[in-house]
C-alpha atoms as a PDB file:
ATOM      1  CA  MET A   1      45.653 215.941 118.266  1.00  0.00           C
ATOM      2  CA  ASN A   2      46.458 215.990 114.576  1.00  0.00           C
ATOM      3  CA  GLU A   3      48.484 212.962 113.680  1.00  0.00           C
ATOM      4  CA  VAL A   4      50.471 212.825 110.486  1.00  0.00           C
ATOM      5  CA  GLU A   5      50.351 209.591 108.546  1.00  0.00           C
ATOM      6  CA  PRO A   6      53.778 208.205 107.669  1.00  0.00           C
ATOM      7  CA  VAL A   7      54.859 208.517 104.065  1.00  0.00           C
ATOM      8  CA  ALA A   8      55.740 205.297 102.280  1.00  0.00           C
ATOM      9  CA  ALA A   9      59.454 204.715 101.965  1.00  0.00           C
ATOM     10  CA  PRO A  10      60.951 204.542  98.483  1.00  0.00           C
ATOM     11  CA  THR A  11      60.973 201.093  96.974  1.00  0.00           C
ATOM     12  CA  ARG A  12      64.205 199.500  95.858  1.00  0.00           C
ATOM     13  CA  ARG A  13      64.351 198.414  92.286  1.00  0.00           C
ATOM     14  CA  GLU A  14      66.967 196.003  91.027  1.00  0.00           C
ATOM     15  CA  GLU A  15      68.411 196.969  87.663  1.00  0.00           C
ATOM     16  CA  GLY A  16      71.532 195.181  86.575  1.00  0.00           C
ATOM     17  CA  PRO A  17      74.268 194.552  89.122  1.00  0.00           C
ATOM     18  CA  LEU A  18      73.551 197.742  91.110  1.00  0.00           C
ATOM     19  CA  ALA A  19      70.402 198.525  93.082  1.00  0.00           C
ATOM     20  CA  THR A  20      68.962 201.997  92.583  1.00  0.00           C
ATOM     21  CA  GLU A  21      66.539 203.994  94.714  1.00  0.00           C
ATOM     22  CA  GLN A  22      63.398 204.993  92.861  1.00  0.00           C
ATOM     23  CA  TRP A  23      60.256 206.342  94.485  1.00  0.00           C
ATOM     24  CA  GLN A  24      57.072 204.593  93.506  1.00  0.00           C
ATOM     25  CA  PRO A  25      53.610 205.463  94.834  1.00  0.00           C
ATOM     26  CA  SER A  26      51.793 202.806  96.815  1.00  0.00           C
ATOM     27  CA  ARG A  27      49.144 200.659  95.167  1.00  0.00           C
ATOM     28  CA  GLN A  28      46.387 202.536  97.002  1.00  0.00           C
ATOM     29  CA  GLU A  29      47.791 205.927  95.932  1.00  0.00           C
ATOM     30  CA  CYS A  30      47.862 204.798  92.300  1.00  0.00           C
ATOM     31  CA  LEU A  31      44.299 203.516  92.419  1.00  0.00           C
ATOM     32  CA  ARG A  32      43.043 206.793  93.908  1.00  0.00           C
ATOM     33  CA  ASP A  33      44.661 208.878  91.160  1.00  0.00           C
ATOM     34  CA  TYR A  34      42.183 208.080  88.386  1.00  0.00           C
ATOM     35  CA  GLU A  35      38.476 207.367  88.137  1.00  0.00           C
ATOM     36  CA  VAL A  36      37.753 204.006  86.482  1.00  0.00           C
ATOM     37  CA  LYS A  37      34.608 203.364  84.423  1.00  0.00           C
ATOM     38  CA  ILE A  38      33.428 200.366  82.420  1.00  0.00           C
ATOM     39  CA  ARG A  39      30.974 200.706  79.551  1.00  0.00           C
ATOM     40  CA  PHE A  40      29.638 197.445  78.176  1.00  0.00           C
ATOM     41  CA  LEU A  41      28.837 197.384  74.462  1.00  0.00           C
ATOM     42  CA  THR A  42      27.014 194.956  72.207  1.00  0.00           C
ATOM     43  CA  LEU A  43      30.412 193.380  71.569  1.00  0.00           C
ATOM     44  CA  GLY A  44      33.172 194.025  74.074  1.00  0.00           C
ATOM     45  CA  CYS A  45      33.559 196.997  76.370  1.00  0.00           C
ATOM     46  CA  ILE A  46      35.363 200.271  76.914  1.00  0.00           C
ATOM     47  CA  VAL A  47      37.431 200.750  80.061  1.00  0.00           C
ATOM     48  CA  SER A  48      38.085 204.379  80.965  1.00  0.00           C
ATOM     49  CA  VAL A  49      40.922 205.249  83.322  1.00  0.00           C
ATOM     50  CA  GLY A  50      41.085 208.970  83.908  1.00  0.00           C
ATOM     51  CA  CYS A  51      40.791 210.643  80.494  1.00  0.00           C
ATOM     52  CA  LYS A  52      41.955 207.582  78.537  1.00  0.00           C
ATOM     53  CA  GLU A  53      39.431 205.204  76.998  1.00  0.00           C
ATOM     54  CA  ILE A  54      40.575 201.760  75.930  1.00  0.00           C
ATOM     55  CA  PRO A  55      38.289 199.593  73.778  1.00  0.00           C
ATOM     56  CA  PHE A  56      38.364 195.815  74.140  1.00  0.00           C
ATOM     57  CA  THR A  57      36.948 193.353  71.615  1.00  0.00           C
ATOM     58  CA  THR A  58      35.617 191.062  74.345  1.00  0.00           C
ATOM     59  CA  ILE A  59      34.449 191.625  77.896  1.00  0.00           C
ATOM     60  CA  LYS A  60      36.899 188.936  79.022  1.00  0.00           C
ATOM     61  CA  GLU A  61      39.869 190.928  77.633  1.00  0.00           C
ATOM     62  CA  GLY A  62      38.612 194.093  79.303  1.00  0.00           C
ATOM     63  CA  MET A  63      38.151 192.400  82.675  1.00  0.00           C
ATOM     64  CA  GLU A  64      41.613 190.801  82.482  1.00  0.00           C
ATOM     65  CA  ALA A  65      43.173 194.214  81.774  1.00  0.00           C
ATOM     66  CA  LEU A  66      41.173 195.810  84.601  1.00  0.00           C
ATOM     67  CA  THR A  67      42.163 193.038  87.022  1.00  0.00           C
ATOM     68  CA  GLN A  68      45.800 193.550  86.053  1.00  0.00           C
ATOM     69  CA  TYR A  69      45.462 197.310  86.649  1.00  0.00           C
ATOM     70  CA  VAL A  70      43.904 196.811  90.098  1.00  0.00           C
ATOM     71  CA  ALA A  71      46.579 194.278  91.097  1.00  0.00           C
ATOM     72  CA  LYS A  72      49.550 196.346  89.878  1.00  0.00           C
ATOM     73  CA  PRO A  73      48.370 199.846  88.929  1.00  0.00           C
ATOM     74  CA  TYR A  74      51.788 201.513  88.701  1.00  0.00           C
ATOM     75  CA  GLU A  75      53.322 198.853  86.468  1.00  0.00           C
ATOM     76  CA  THR A  76      50.201 198.512  84.312  1.00  0.00           C
ATOM     77  CA  LYS A  77      50.012 202.270  83.823  1.00  0.00           C
ATOM     78  CA  GLN A  78      53.625 202.275  82.585  1.00  0.00           C
ATOM     79  CA  ILE A  79      52.804 199.557  80.018  1.00  0.00           C
ATOM     80  CA  TRP A  80      49.719 201.380  78.710  1.00  0.00           C
ATOM     81  CA  GLU A  81      51.479 204.773  78.561  1.00  0.00           C
ATOM     82  CA  LYS A  82      54.167 203.171  76.406  1.00  0.00           C
ATOM     83  CA  ARG A  83      51.483 201.735  74.087  1.00  0.00           C
ATOM     84  CA  PHE A  84      49.759 205.125  73.814  1.00  0.00           C
ATOM     85  CA  GLN A  85      53.036 206.816  72.904  1.00  0.00           C
ATOM     86  CA  GLU A  86      53.758 204.205  70.221  1.00  0.00           C
ATOM     87  CA  GLU A  87      50.312 204.770  68.681  1.00  0.00           C
ATOM     88  CA  GLU A  88      50.922 208.530  68.461  1.00  0.00           C
ATOM     89  CA  LYS A  89      54.033 208.082  66.288  1.00  0.00           C
END
């Protein structure tokens, strides 16, 4: 028959003296959300995640950022979104 996969339980996040409930998608869900592309240039590379393109001066910097994204996509996305918003100001 049709079996329904269980939904991941909300993760607990410690903030200050009180713990709060905050839903966070799983690592696999985050990685499935956006297509990732790497374009190598004469110097450096461009890493595209979804519709955002991020240039890196060196391939090493680009690969470190990509490795960080794959390891912790939700947290890394939050960091980059904050940087994008700061650049728009």
